[in-house]
């Protein structure tokens, strides 16, 4: 990840953890890191552990991964199609076609995004 995104690591967030409240205290580090780096969203399948009333004071919202990807497709459809196509081409063990990669994304919980991508890619 560090090679792909130079500033991907969040540092010096630990001191914030103790003062945060979430339904699952083990998730406080996620919110602390989001606050520290000025994130607008936390992308998670676990929405119930990041309620809006507890994130709101930090101007952060929790977003389901399918919604996040779908919003990204709406913003830059060509870039997302290109990324999916390149990802499929890069997979070697085992090799995957674009259709197989989309099947995997569907099974991982991204049905809306996969549907939109199939419309765009034509498969």
PDB file of N, CA and C in Angstrom:
ATOM      1  N   UNK A   1       0.825  -1.189   0.000  1.00  0.00           N
ATOM      2  CA  UNK A   1       0.000   0.000   0.000  1.00  0.00           C
ATOM      3  C   UNK A   1       0.869   1.252   0.000  1.00  0.00           C
ATOM      4  N   UNK A   2       1.943   1.219   0.743  1.00  0.00           N
ATOM      5  CA  UNK A   2       2.819   2.390   0.814  1.00  0.00           C
ATOM      6  C   UNK A   2       3.386   2.757  -0.550  1.00  0.00           C
ATOM      7  N   UNK A   3       3.626   1.756  -1.401  1.00  0.00           N
ATOM      8  CA  UNK A   3       4.145   2.025  -2.742  1.00  0.00           C
ATOM      9  C   UNK A   3       3.091   2.699  -3.614  1.00  0.00           C
ATOM     10  N   UNK A   4       1.843   2.292  -3.458  1.00  0.00           N
ATOM     11  CA  UNK A   4       0.773   2.831  -4.295  1.00  0.00           C
ATOM     12  C   UNK A   4       0.308   4.212  -3.838  1.00  0.00           C
ATOM     13  N   UNK A   5       0.283   4.422  -2.521  1.00  0.00           N
ATOM     14  CA  UNK A   5      -0.208   5.687  -1.965  1.00  0.00           C
ATOM     15  C   UNK A   5       0.791   6.143  -0.907  1.00  0.00           C
ATOM     16  N   UNK A   6       1.597   7.118  -1.247  1.00  0.00           N
ATOM     17  CA  UNK A   6       2.715   7.534  -0.399  1.00  0.00           C
ATOM     18  C   UNK A   6       2.289   7.933   1.017  1.00  0.00           C
ATOM     19  N   UNK A   7       1.167   8.617   1.167  1.00  0.00           N
ATOM     20  CA  UNK A   7       0.764   9.106   2.493  1.00  0.00           C
ATOM     21  C   UNK A   7      -0.405   8.307   3.066  1.00  0.00           C
ATOM     22  N   UNK A   8      -0.413   6.994   2.842  1.00  0.00           N
ATOM     23  CA  UNK A   8      -1.548   6.170   3.265  1.00  0.00           C
ATOM     24  C   UNK A   8      -1.578   5.882   4.762  1.00  0.00           C
ATOM     25  N   UNK A   9      -0.466   6.005   5.442  1.00  0.00           N
ATOM     26  CA  UNK A   9      -0.436   5.683   6.866  1.00  0.00           C
ATOM     27  C   UNK A   9      -0.842   6.883   7.714  1.00  0.00           C
ATOM     28  N   UNK A  10      -1.686   6.630   8.691  1.00  0.00           N
ATOM     29  CA  UNK A  10      -2.099   7.669   9.631  1.00  0.00           C
ATOM     30  C   UNK A  10      -1.278   7.474  10.896  1.00  0.00           C
ATOM     31  N   UNK A  11      -0.665   8.543  11.343  1.00  0.00           N
ATOM     32  CA  UNK A  11       0.171   8.474  12.540  1.00  0.00           C
ATOM     33  C   UNK A  11      -0.350   9.424  13.603  1.00  0.00           C
ATOM     34  N   UNK A  12       0.061   9.187  14.841  1.00  0.00           N
ATOM     35  CA  UNK A  12      -0.268  10.052  15.974  1.00  0.00           C
ATOM     36  C   UNK A  12      -1.776  10.176  16.230  1.00  0.00           C
ATOM     37  N   UNK A  13      -2.491   9.090  16.069  1.00  0.00           N
ATOM     38  CA  UNK A  13      -3.927   9.083  16.355  1.00  0.00           C
ATOM     39  C   UNK A  13      -4.231   8.430  17.703  1.00  0.00           C
ATOM     40  N   UNK A  14      -3.258   7.713  18.252  1.00  0.00           N
ATOM     41  CA  UNK A  14      -3.490   6.898  19.449  1.00  0.00           C
ATOM     42  C   UNK A  14      -3.993   7.706  20.639  1.00  0.00           C
ATOM     43  N   UNK A  15      -3.522   8.919  20.791  1.00  0.00           N
ATOM     44  CA  UNK A  15      -3.926   9.723  21.949  1.00  0.00           C
ATOM     45  C   UNK A  15      -5.407  10.091  21.913  1.00  0.00           C
ATOM     46  N   UNK A  16      -6.039   9.986  20.745  1.00  0.00           N
ATOM     47  CA  UNK A  16      -7.458  10.318  20.615  1.00  0.00           C
ATOM     48  C   UNK A  16      -8.380   9.173  21.044  1.00  0.00           C
ATOM     49  N   UNK A  17      -7.884   7.965  21.012  1.00  0.00           N
ATOM     50  CA  UNK A  17      -8.719   6.779  21.200  1.00  0.00           C
ATOM     51  C   UNK A  17      -9.491   6.812  22.513  1.00  0.00           C
ATOM     52  N   UNK A  18      -8.819   7.101  23.597  1.00  0.00           N
ATOM     53  CA  UNK A  18      -9.441   7.024  24.930  1.00  0.00           C
ATOM     54  C   UNK A  18     -10.671   7.917  25.059  1.00  0.00           C
ATOM     55  N   UNK A  19     -10.697   9.056  24.392  1.00  0.00           N
ATOM     56  CA  UNK A  19     -11.812   9.983  24.515  1.00  0.00           C
ATOM     57  C   UNK A  19     -12.975   9.715  23.581  1.00  0.00           C
ATOM     58  N   UNK A  20     -12.902   8.656  22.803  1.00  0.00           N
ATOM     59  CA  UNK A  20     -13.955   8.374  21.827  1.00  0.00           C
ATOM     60  C   UNK A  20     -14.922   7.319  22.342  1.00  0.00           C
ATOM     61  N   UNK A  21     -16.157   7.431  21.876  1.00  0.00           N
ATOM     62  CA  UNK A  21     -17.201   6.497  22.268  1.00  0.00           C
ATOM     63  C   UNK A  21     -17.835   5.899  21.017  1.00  0.00           C
ATOM     64  N   UNK A  22     -17.859   4.573  20.957  1.00  0.00           N
ATOM     65  CA  UNK A  22     -18.522   3.827  19.893  1.00  0.00           C
ATOM     66  C   UNK A  22     -19.154   2.583  20.513  1.00  0.00           C
ATOM     67  N   UNK A  23     -20.144   1.991  19.844  1.00  0.00           N
ATOM     68  CA  UNK A  23     -20.761   0.767  20.391  1.00  0.00           C
ATOM     69  C   UNK A  23     -19.741  -0.339  20.674  1.00  0.00           C
ATOM     70  N   UNK A  24     -18.763  -0.487  19.804  1.00  0.00           N
ATOM     71  CA  UNK A  24     -17.700  -1.471  20.026  1.00  0.00           C
ATOM     72  C   UNK A  24     -16.414  -0.699  20.306  1.00  0.00           C
ATOM     73  N   UNK A  25     -15.964  -0.690  21.551  1.00  0.00           N
ATOM     74  CA  UNK A  25     -14.758   0.074  21.891  1.00  0.00           C
ATOM     75  C   UNK A  25     -13.529  -0.326  21.076  1.00  0.00           C
ATOM     76  N   UNK A  26     -13.529  -1.553  20.564  1.00  0.00           N
ATOM     77  CA  UNK A  26     -12.391  -2.002  19.756  1.00  0.00           C
ATOM     78  C   UNK A  26     -12.320  -1.314  18.395  1.00  0.00           C
ATOM     79  N   UNK A  27     -13.360  -0.544  18.030  1.00  0.00           N
ATOM     80  CA  UNK A  27     -13.366   0.191  16.763  1.00  0.00           C
ATOM     81  C   UNK A  27     -12.923   1.651  16.916  1.00  0.00           C
ATOM     82  N   UNK A  28     -12.645   2.075  18.143  1.00  0.00           N
ATOM     83  CA  UNK A  28     -12.306   3.485  18.375  1.00  0.00           C
ATOM     84  C   UNK A  28     -11.059   3.917  17.619  1.00  0.00           C
ATOM     85  N   UNK A  29     -10.114   3.010  17.405  1.00  0.00           N
ATOM     86  CA  UNK A  29      -8.896   3.372  16.673  1.00  0.00           C
ATOM     87  C   UNK A  29      -9.216   3.782  15.235  1.00  0.00           C
ATOM     88  N   UNK A  30     -10.265   3.187  14.654  1.00  0.00           N
ATOM     89  CA  UNK A  30     -10.662   3.534  13.288  1.00  0.00           C
ATOM     90  C   UNK A  30     -11.153   4.979  13.249  1.00  0.00           C
ATOM     91  N   UNK A  31     -12.012   5.332  14.181  1.00  0.00           N
ATOM     92  CA  UNK A  31     -12.509   6.715  14.255  1.00  0.00           C
ATOM     93  C   UNK A  31     -11.378   7.677  14.576  1.00  0.00           C
ATOM     94  N   UNK A  32     -10.499   7.302  15.479  1.00  0.00           N
ATOM     95  CA  UNK A  32      -9.366   8.175  15.821  1.00  0.00           C
ATOM     96  C   UNK A  32      -8.494   8.453  14.606  1.00  0.00           C
ATOM     97  N   UNK A  33      -8.209   7.434  13.826  1.00  0.00           N
ATOM     98  CA  UNK A  33      -7.397   7.620  12.614  1.00  0.00           C
ATOM     99  C   UNK A  33      -8.130   8.488  11.603  1.00  0.00           C
ATOM    100  N   UNK A  34      -9.440   8.296  11.479  1.00  0.00           N
ATOM    101  CA  UNK A  34     -10.229   9.121  10.551  1.00  0.00           C
ATOM    102  C   UNK A  34     -10.210  10.583  10.975  1.00  0.00           C
ATOM    103  N   UNK A  35     -10.362  10.833  12.263  1.00  0.00           N
ATOM    104  CA  UNK A  35     -10.309  12.214  12.770  1.00  0.00           C
ATOM    105  C   UNK A  35      -8.940  12.810  12.494  1.00  0.00           C
ATOM    106  N   UNK A  36      -7.907  12.072  12.818  1.00  0.00           N
ATOM    107  CA  UNK A  36      -6.527  12.567  12.687  1.00  0.00           C
ATOM    108  C   UNK A  36      -6.175  12.951  11.251  1.00  0.00           C
ATOM    109  N   UNK A  37      -6.671  12.182  10.289  1.00  0.00           N
ATOM    110  CA  UNK A  37      -6.301  12.482   8.895  1.00  0.00           C
ATOM    111  C   UNK A  37      -7.338  13.347   8.187  1.00  0.00           C
ATOM    112  N   UNK A  38      -8.401  13.725   8.878  1.00  0.00           N
ATOM    113  CA  UNK A  38      -9.406  14.594   8.274  1.00  0.00           C
ATOM    114  C   UNK A  38     -10.306  13.886   7.277  1.00  0.00           C
ATOM    115  N   UNK A  39     -10.532  12.590   7.493  1.00  0.00           N
ATOM    116  CA  UNK A  39     -11.389  11.813   6.588  1.00  0.00           C
ATOM    117  C   UNK A  39     -12.832  12.302   6.675  1.00  0.00           C
ATOM    118  N   UNK A  40     -13.532  12.183   5.568  1.00  0.00           N
ATOM    119  CA  UNK A  40     -14.948  12.510   5.528  1.00  0.00           C
ATOM    120  C   UNK A  40     -15.819  11.276   5.697  1.00  0.00           C
ATOM    121  N   UNK A  41     -15.267  10.114   5.362  1.00  0.00           N
ATOM    122  CA  UNK A  41     -16.032   8.871   5.462  1.00  0.00           C
ATOM    123  C   UNK A  41     -15.177   7.753   6.050  1.00  0.00           C
ATOM    124  N   UNK A  42     -15.872   6.829   6.680  1.00  0.00           N
ATOM    125  CA  UNK A  42     -15.311   5.543   7.072  1.00  0.00           C
ATOM    126  C   UNK A  42     -16.069   4.523   6.243  1.00  0.00           C
ATOM    127  N   UNK A  43     -15.368   3.793   5.409  1.00  0.00           N
ATOM    128  CA  UNK A  43     -15.993   2.795   4.549  1.00  0.00           C
ATOM    129  C   UNK A  43     -15.957   1.463   5.295  1.00  0.00           C
ATOM    130  N   UNK A  44     -17.150   0.927   5.581  1.00  0.00           N
ATOM    131  CA  UNK A  44     -17.232  -0.281   6.401  1.00  0.00           C
ATOM    132  C   UNK A  44     -18.514  -1.055   6.126  1.00  0.00           C
ATOM    133  N   UNK A  45     -18.418  -2.381   6.186  1.00  0.00           N
ATOM    134  CA  UNK A  45     -19.612  -3.218   6.147  1.00  0.00           C
ATOM    135  C   UNK A  45     -20.323  -3.158   7.495  1.00  0.00           C
ATOM    136  N   UNK A  46     -19.628  -2.719   8.530  1.00  0.00           N
ATOM    137  CA  UNK A  46     -20.100  -2.748   9.897  1.00  0.00           C
ATOM    138  C   UNK A  46     -20.711  -1.397  10.297  1.00  0.00           C
ATOM    139  N   UNK A  47     -21.748  -0.980   9.606  1.00  0.00           N
ATOM    140  CA  UNK A  47     -22.339   0.342   9.828  1.00  0.00           C
ATOM    141  C   UNK A  47     -22.895   0.516  11.235  1.00  0.00           C
ATOM    142  N   UNK A  48     -23.388  -0.549  11.836  1.00  0.00           N
ATOM    143  CA  UNK A  48     -24.005  -0.417  13.162  1.00  0.00           C
ATOM    144  C   UNK A  48     -22.990  -0.032  14.239  1.00  0.00           C
ATOM    145  N   UNK A  49     -21.725  -0.288  14.008  1.00  0.00           N
ATOM    146  CA  UNK A  49     -20.707   0.088  14.989  1.00  0.00           C
ATOM    147  C   UNK A  49     -20.199   1.515  14.800  1.00  0.00           C
ATOM    148  N   UNK A  50     -20.719   2.211  13.782  1.00  0.00           N
ATOM    149  CA  UNK A  50     -20.313   3.591  13.524  1.00  0.00           C
ATOM    150  C   UNK A  50     -21.561   4.453  13.306  1.00  0.00           C
ATOM    151  N   UNK A  51     -22.378   4.624  14.355  1.00  0.00           N
ATOM    152  CA  UNK A  51     -23.642   5.357  14.210  1.00  0.00           C
ATOM    153  C   UNK A  51     -23.429   6.841  13.894  1.00  0.00           C
ATOM    154  N   UNK A  52     -24.333   7.362  13.093  1.00  0.00           N
ATOM    155  CA  UNK A  52     -24.244   8.753  12.636  1.00  0.00           C
ATOM    156  C   UNK A  52     -24.180   9.747  13.789  1.00  0.00           C
ATOM    157  N   UNK A  53     -24.930   9.499  14.866  1.00  0.00           N
ATOM    158  CA  UNK A  53     -24.942  10.459  15.974  1.00  0.00           C
ATOM    159  C   UNK A  53     -23.591  10.546  16.679  1.00  0.00           C
ATOM    160  N   UNK A  54     -22.786   9.479  16.612  1.00  0.00           N
ATOM    161  CA  UNK A  54     -21.468   9.512  17.245  1.00  0.00           C
ATOM    162  C   UNK A  54     -20.377   9.993  16.286  1.00  0.00           C
ATOM    163  N   UNK A  55     -20.608   9.867  14.990  1.00  0.00           N
ATOM    164  CA  UNK A  55     -19.630  10.352  14.001  1.00  0.00           C
ATOM    165  C   UNK A  55     -19.883  11.802  13.604  1.00  0.00           C
ATOM    166  N   UNK A  56     -21.135  12.222  13.684  1.00  0.00           N
ATOM    167  CA  UNK A  56     -21.527  13.565  13.244  1.00  0.00           C
ATOM    168  C   UNK A  56     -20.694  14.697  13.819  1.00  0.00           C
ATOM    169  N   UNK A  57     -20.386  14.690  15.119  1.00  0.00           N
ATOM    170  CA  UNK A  57     -19.592  15.788  15.672  1.00  0.00           C
ATOM    171  C   UNK A  57     -18.208  15.932  15.023  1.00  0.00           C
ATOM    172  N   UNK A  58     -17.765  14.895  14.344  1.00  0.00           N
ATOM    173  CA  UNK A  58     -16.451  14.933  13.682  1.00  0.00           C
ATOM    174  C   UNK A  58     -16.584  15.138  12.170  1.00  0.00           C
ATOM    175  N   UNK A  59     -17.815  15.405  11.716  1.00  0.00           N
ATOM    176  CA  UNK A  59     -18.102  15.568  10.282  1.00  0.00           C
ATOM    177  C   UNK A  59     -17.620  14.363   9.472  1.00  0.00           C
ATOM    178  N   UNK A  60     -17.867  13.184  10.022  1.00  0.00           N
ATOM    179  CA  UNK A  60     -17.507  11.928   9.371  1.00  0.00           C
ATOM    180  C   UNK A  60     -18.779  11.101   9.271  1.00  0.00           C
ATOM    181  N   UNK A  61     -18.930  10.376   8.173  1.00  0.00           N
ATOM    182  CA  UNK A  61     -20.055   9.460   8.055  1.00  0.00           C
ATOM    183  C   UNK A  61     -19.549   8.070   7.700  1.00  0.00           C
ATOM    184  N   UNK A  62     -20.297   7.075   8.133  1.00  0.00           N
ATOM    185  CA  UNK A  62     -19.986   5.692   7.774  1.00  0.00           C
ATOM    186  C   UNK A  62     -20.742   5.368   6.494  1.00  0.00           C
ATOM    187  N   UNK A  63     -20.046   4.747   5.552  1.00  0.00           N
ATOM    188  CA  UNK A  63     -20.628   4.419   4.260  1.00  0.00           C
ATOM    189  C   UNK A  63     -20.340   2.954   3.954  1.00  0.00           C
ATOM    190  N   UNK A  64     -21.362   2.249   3.513  1.00  0.00           N
ATOM    191  CA  UNK A  64     -21.205   0.858   3.106  1.00  0.00           C
ATOM    192  C   UNK A  64     -20.306   0.806   1.862  1.00  0.00           C
ATOM    193  N   UNK A  65     -19.428  -0.187   1.769  1.00  0.00           N
ATOM    194  CA  UNK A  65     -18.532  -0.281   0.616  1.00  0.00           C
ATOM    195  C   UNK A  65     -19.257  -0.271  -0.733  1.00  0.00           C
ATOM    196  N   UNK A  66     -20.420  -0.911  -0.820  1.00  0.00           N
ATOM    197  CA  UNK A  66     -21.159  -0.922  -2.077  1.00  0.00           C
ATOM    198  C   UNK A  66     -21.603   0.488  -2.456  1.00  0.00           C
ATOM    199  N   UNK A  67     -22.053   1.252  -1.484  1.00  0.00           N
ATOM    200  CA  UNK A  67     -22.452   2.636  -1.751  1.00  0.00           C
ATOM    201  C   UNK A  67     -21.248   3.494  -2.135  1.00  0.00           C
ATOM    202  N   UNK A  68     -20.130   3.274  -1.458  1.00  0.00           N
ATOM    203  CA  UNK A  68     -18.916   4.034  -1.756  1.00  0.00           C
ATOM    204  C   UNK A  68     -18.440   3.771  -3.182  1.00  0.00           C
ATOM    205  N   UNK A  69     -18.381   2.514  -3.563  1.00  0.00           N
ATOM    206  CA  UNK A  69     -17.935   2.174  -4.920  1.00  0.00           C
ATOM    207  C   UNK A  69     -18.931   2.709  -5.945  1.00  0.00           C
ATOM    208  N   UNK A  70     -20.208   2.582  -5.665  1.00  0.00           N
ATOM    209  CA  UNK A  70     -21.235   3.084  -6.573  1.00  0.00           C
ATOM    210  C   UNK A  70     -21.103   4.595  -6.771  1.00  0.00           C
ATOM    211  N   UNK A  71     -20.854   5.324  -5.695  1.00  0.00           N
ATOM    212  CA  UNK A  71     -20.637   6.777  -5.806  1.00  0.00           C
ATOM    213  C   UNK A  71     -19.399   7.077  -6.638  1.00  0.00           C
ATOM    214  N   UNK A  72     -18.366   6.279  -6.455  1.00  0.00           N
ATOM    215  CA  UNK A  72     -17.134   6.475  -7.227  1.00  0.00           C
ATOM    216  C   UNK A  72     -17.387   6.198  -8.701  1.00  0.00           C
ATOM    217  N   UNK A  73     -18.152   5.162  -8.999  1.00  0.00           N
ATOM    218  CA  UNK A  73     -18.504   4.873 -10.392  1.00  0.00           C
ATOM    219  C   UNK A  73     -19.265   6.052 -10.991  1.00  0.00           C
ATOM    220  N   UNK A  74     -20.194   6.630 -10.240  1.00  0.00           N
ATOM    221  CA  UNK A  74     -20.961   7.771 -10.735  1.00  0.00           C
ATOM    222  C   UNK A  74     -20.067   8.974 -11.019  1.00  0.00           C
ATOM    223  N   UNK A  75     -19.032   9.155 -10.193  1.00  0.00           N
ATOM    224  CA  UNK A  75     -18.132  10.296 -10.360  1.00  0.00           C
ATOM    225  C   UNK A  75     -17.159  10.114 -11.515  1.00  0.00           C
ATOM    226  N   UNK A  76     -16.560   8.935 -11.596  1.00  0.00           N
ATOM    227  CA  UNK A  76     -15.513   8.697 -12.613  1.00  0.00           C
ATOM    228  C   UNK A  76     -15.659   7.284 -13.191  1.00  0.00           C
ATOM    229  N   UNK A  77     -16.714   7.059 -13.966  1.00  0.00           N
ATOM    230  CA  UNK A  77     -16.972   5.702 -14.442  1.00  0.00           C
ATOM    231  C   UNK A  77     -15.822   5.111 -15.257  1.00  0.00           C
ATOM    232  N   UNK A  78     -15.215   5.894 -16.109  1.00  0.00           N
ATOM    233  CA  UNK A  78     -14.116   5.386 -16.928  1.00  0.00           C
ATOM    234  C   UNK A  78     -12.930   4.937 -16.097  1.00  0.00           C
ATOM    235  N   UNK A  79     -12.627   5.666 -15.050  1.00  0.00           N
ATOM    236  CA  UNK A  79     -11.502   5.309 -14.185  1.00  0.00           C
ATOM    237  C   UNK A  79     -11.774   4.009 -13.434  1.00  0.00           C
ATOM    238  N   UNK A  80     -13.005   3.825 -12.984  1.00  0.00           N
ATOM    239  CA  UNK A  80     -13.333   2.607 -12.252  1.00  0.00           C
ATOM    240  C   UNK A  80     -13.328   1.404 -13.198  1.00  0.00           C
ATOM    241  N   UNK A  81     -13.893   1.558 -14.373  1.00  0.00           N
ATOM    242  CA  UNK A  81     -13.876   0.470 -15.355  1.00  0.00           C
ATOM    243  C   UNK A  81     -12.439   0.100 -15.698  1.00  0.00           C
ATOM    244  N   UNK A  82     -11.607   1.100 -15.891  1.00  0.00           N
ATOM    245  CA  UNK A  82     -10.191   0.852 -16.194  1.00  0.00           C
ATOM    246  C   UNK A  82      -9.508   0.122 -15.032  1.00  0.00           C
ATOM    247  N   UNK A  83      -9.780   0.535 -13.804  1.00  0.00           N
ATOM    248  CA  UNK A  83      -9.169  -0.108 -12.637  1.00  0.00           C
ATOM    249  C   UNK A  83      -9.600  -1.575 -12.527  1.00  0.00           C
ATOM    250  N   UNK A  84     -10.874  -1.848 -12.760  1.00  0.00           N
ATOM    251  CA  UNK A  84     -11.368  -3.228 -12.686  1.00  0.00           C
ATOM    252  C   UNK A  84     -10.736  -4.067 -13.798  1.00  0.00           C
ATOM    253  N   UNK A  85     -10.672  -3.509 -14.985  1.00  0.00           N
ATOM    254  CA  UNK A  85     -10.079  -4.222 -16.118  1.00  0.00           C
ATOM    255  C   UNK A  85      -8.594  -4.506 -15.869  1.00  0.00           C
ATOM    256  N   UNK A  86      -7.875  -3.514 -15.364  1.00  0.00           N
ATOM    257  CA  UNK A  86      -6.454  -3.706 -15.063  1.00  0.00           C
ATOM    258  C   UNK A  86      -6.251  -4.704 -13.926  1.00  0.00           C
ATOM    259  N   UNK A  87      -7.125  -4.650 -12.916  1.00  0.00           N
ATOM    260  CA  UNK A  87      -7.026  -5.598 -11.806  1.00  0.00           C
ATOM    261  C   UNK A  87      -7.215  -7.024 -12.307  1.00  0.00           C
ATOM    262  N   UNK A  88      -8.227  -7.237 -13.130  1.00  0.00           N
ATOM    263  CA  UNK A  88      -8.464  -8.579 -13.671  1.00  0.00           C
ATOM    264  C   UNK A  88      -7.253  -9.049 -14.482  1.00  0.00           C
ATOM    265  N   UNK A  89      -6.695  -8.181 -15.287  1.00  0.00           N
ATOM    266  CA  UNK A  89      -5.540  -8.543 -16.109  1.00  0.00           C
ATOM    267  C   UNK A  89      -4.314  -8.860 -15.264  1.00  0.00           C
ATOM    268  N   UNK A  90      -4.214  -8.254 -14.085  1.00  0.00           N
ATOM    269  CA  UNK A  90      -3.048  -8.453 -13.221  1.00  0.00           C
ATOM    270  C   UNK A  90      -3.148  -9.737 -12.393  1.00  0.00           C
ATOM    271  N   UNK A  91      -4.319 -10.284 -12.256  1.00  0.00           N
ATOM    272  CA  UNK A  91      -4.498 -11.480 -11.429  1.00  0.00           C
ATOM    273  C   UNK A  91      -3.910 -12.700 -12.128  1.00  0.00           C
ATOM    274  N   UNK A  92      -3.045 -13.395 -11.417  1.00  0.00           N
ATOM    275  CA  UNK A  92      -2.333 -14.526 -12.006  1.00  0.00           C
ATOM    276  C   UNK A  92      -2.547 -15.845 -11.279  1.00  0.00           C
ATOM    277  N   UNK A  93      -2.864 -15.799  -9.997  1.00  0.00           N
ATOM    278  CA  UNK A  93      -2.926 -17.027  -9.227  1.00  0.00           C
ATOM    279  C   UNK A  93      -4.169 -17.055  -8.346  1.00  0.00           C
ATOM    280  N   UNK A  94      -5.298 -17.415  -8.835  1.00  0.00           N
ATOM    281  CA  UNK A  94      -5.526 -17.857 -10.210  1.00  0.00           C
ATOM    282  C   UNK A  94      -5.843 -16.681 -11.117  1.00  0.00           C
ATOM    283  N   UNK A  95      -5.650 -16.862 -12.402  1.00  0.00           N
ATOM    284  CA  UNK A  95      -6.046 -15.816 -13.351  1.00  0.00           C
ATOM    285  C   UNK A  95      -7.566 -15.634 -13.305  1.00  0.00           C
ATOM    286  N   UNK A  96      -8.000 -14.422 -13.551  1.00  0.00           N
ATOM    287  CA  UNK A  96      -9.434 -14.106 -13.530  1.00  0.00           C
ATOM    288  C   UNK A  96      -9.785 -13.230 -14.716  1.00  0.00           C
ATOM    289  N   UNK A  97     -10.918 -13.508 -15.306  1.00  0.00           N
ATOM    290  CA  UNK A  97     -11.469 -12.616 -16.325  1.00  0.00           C
ATOM    291  C   UNK A  97     -12.166 -11.467 -15.598  1.00  0.00           C
ATOM    292  N   UNK A  98     -12.540 -10.454 -16.347  1.00  0.00           N
ATOM    293  CA  UNK A  98     -13.295  -9.350 -15.745  1.00  0.00           C
ATOM    294  C   UNK A  98     -14.604  -9.887 -15.173  1.00  0.00           C
ATOM    295  N   UNK A  99     -15.266 -10.766 -15.904  1.00  0.00           N
ATOM    296  CA  UNK A  99     -16.532 -11.331 -15.425  1.00  0.00           C
ATOM    297  C   UNK A  99     -16.331 -12.103 -14.123  1.00  0.00           C
ATOM    298  N   UNK A 100     -15.261 -12.853 -14.023  1.00  0.00           N
ATOM    299  CA  UNK A 100     -14.983 -13.608 -12.794  1.00  0.00           C
ATOM    300  C   UNK A 100     -14.657 -12.669 -11.636  1.00  0.00           C
ATOM    301  N   UNK A 101     -13.908 -11.607 -11.909  1.00  0.00           N
ATOM    302  CA  UNK A 101     -13.611 -10.625 -10.863  1.00  0.00           C
ATOM    303  C   UNK A 101     -14.900  -9.970 -10.381  1.00  0.00           C
ATOM    304  N   UNK A 102     -15.786  -9.636 -11.301  1.00  0.00           N
ATOM    305  CA  UNK A 102     -17.066  -9.044 -10.913  1.00  0.00           C
ATOM    306  C   UNK A 102     -17.898 -10.031 -10.089  1.00  0.00           C
ATOM    307  N   UNK A 103     -17.859 -11.314 -10.439  1.00  0.00           N
ATOM    308  CA  UNK A 103     -18.557 -12.321  -9.636  1.00  0.00           C
ATOM    309  C   UNK A 103     -18.017 -12.343  -8.208  1.00  0.00           C
ATOM    310  N   UNK A 104     -16.701 -12.226  -8.079  1.00  0.00           N
ATOM    311  CA  UNK A 104     -16.081 -12.203  -6.749  1.00  0.00           C
ATOM    312  C   UNK A 104     -16.524 -10.973  -5.976  1.00  0.00           C
ATOM    313  N   UNK A 105     -16.517  -9.816  -6.612  1.00  0.00           N
ATOM    314  CA  UNK A 105     -16.945  -8.584  -5.944  1.00  0.00           C
ATOM    315  C   UNK A 105     -18.409  -8.675  -5.517  1.00  0.00           C
ATOM    316  N   UNK A 106     -19.222  -9.296  -6.352  1.00  0.00           N
ATOM    317  CA  UNK A 106     -20.629  -9.503  -6.005  1.00  0.00           C
ATOM    318  C   UNK A 106     -20.737 -10.349  -4.742  1.00  0.00           C
ATOM    319  N   UNK A 107     -19.997 -11.460  -4.705  1.00  0.00           N
ATOM    320  CA  UNK A 107     -20.065 -12.366  -3.554  1.00  0.00           C
ATOM    321  C   UNK A 107     -19.512 -11.732  -2.283  1.00  0.00           C
ATOM    322  N   UNK A 108     -18.674 -10.710  -2.431  1.00  0.00           N
ATOM    323  CA  UNK A 108     -18.106 -10.020  -1.277  1.00  0.00           C
ATOM    324  C   UNK A 108     -19.008  -8.901  -0.750  1.00  0.00           C
ATOM    325  N   UNK A 109     -20.152  -8.677  -1.428  1.00  0.00           N
ATOM    326  CA  UNK A 109     -21.114  -7.714  -0.901  1.00  0.00           C
ATOM    327  C   UNK A 109     -21.235  -6.416  -1.672  1.00  0.00           C
ATOM    328  N   UNK A 110     -20.890  -6.439  -2.957  1.00  0.00           N
ATOM    329  CA  UNK A 110     -20.988  -5.227  -3.774  1.00  0.00           C
ATOM    330  C   UNK A 110     -21.974  -5.410  -4.935  1.00  0.00           C
ATOM    331  N   UNK A 111     -23.202  -5.835  -4.671  1.00  0.00           N
ATOM    332  CA  UNK A 111     -24.132  -6.137  -5.768  1.00  0.00           C
ATOM    333  C   UNK A 111     -24.513  -4.940  -6.636  1.00  0.00           C
ATOM    334  N   UNK A 112     -24.759  -3.793  -6.031  1.00  0.00           N
ATOM    335  CA  UNK A 112     -25.136  -2.608  -6.821  1.00  0.00           C
ATOM    336  C   UNK A 112     -23.987  -2.158  -7.715  1.00  0.00           C
ATOM    337  N   UNK A 113     -22.796  -2.163  -7.152  1.00  0.00           N
ATOM    338  CA  UNK A 113     -21.616  -1.736  -7.907  1.00  0.00           C
ATOM    339  C   UNK A 113     -21.351  -2.677  -9.071  1.00  0.00           C
ATOM    340  N   UNK A 114     -21.470  -3.966  -8.817  1.00  0.00           N
ATOM    341  CA  UNK A 114     -21.250  -4.951  -9.877  1.00  0.00           C
ATOM    342  C   UNK A 114     -22.291  -4.790 -10.978  1.00  0.00           C
ATOM    343  N   UNK A 115     -23.521  -4.563 -10.610  1.00  0.00           N
ATOM    344  CA  UNK A 115     -24.568  -4.364 -11.614  1.00  0.00           C
ATOM    345  C   UNK A 115     -24.237  -3.165 -12.503  1.00  0.00           C
ATOM    346  N   UNK A 116     -23.841  -2.084 -11.886  1.00  0.00           N
ATOM    347  CA  UNK A 116     -23.496  -0.880 -12.658  1.00  0.00           C
ATOM    348  C   UNK A 116     -22.275  -1.143 -13.535  1.00  0.00           C
ATOM    349  N   UNK A 117     -21.282  -1.827 -12.997  1.00  0.00           N
ATOM    350  CA  UNK A 117     -20.086  -2.135 -13.782  1.00  0.00           C
ATOM    351  C   UNK A 117     -20.416  -3.054 -14.953  1.00  0.00           C
ATOM    352  N   UNK A 118     -21.285  -4.023 -14.746  1.00  0.00           N
ATOM    353  CA  UNK A 118     -21.688  -4.908 -15.853  1.00  0.00           C
ATOM    354  C   UNK A 118     -22.371  -4.093 -16.948  1.00  0.00           C
ATOM    355  N   UNK A 119     -23.193  -3.129 -16.556  1.00  0.00           N
ATOM    356  CA  UNK A 119     -23.839  -2.252 -17.551  1.00  0.00           C
ATOM    357  C   UNK A 119     -22.787  -1.469 -18.341  1.00  0.00           C
ATOM    358  N   UNK A 120     -21.783  -0.957 -17.649  1.00  0.00           N
ATOM    359  CA  UNK A 120     -20.758  -0.140 -18.301  1.00  0.00           C
ATOM    360  C   UNK A 120     -19.806  -0.963 -19.167  1.00  0.00           C
ATOM    361  N   UNK A 121     -19.480  -2.155 -18.678  1.00  0.00           N
ATOM    362  CA  UNK A 121     -18.505  -2.992 -19.375  1.00  0.00           C
ATOM    363  C   UNK A 121     -19.192  -3.815 -20.459  1.00  0.00           C
ATOM    364  N   UNK A 122     -20.470  -4.083 -20.240  1.00  0.00           N
ATOM    365  CA  UNK A 122     -21.195  -4.880 -21.217  1.00  0.00           C
ATOM    366  C   UNK A 122     -21.069  -6.363 -20.979  1.00  0.00           C
ATOM    367  N   UNK A 123     -21.096  -6.758 -19.708  1.00  0.00           N
ATOM    368  CA  UNK A 123     -20.975  -8.191 -19.423  1.00  0.00           C
ATOM    369  C   UNK A 123     -21.787  -8.573 -18.333  1.00  0.00           C
TER     370      UNK A 123
END
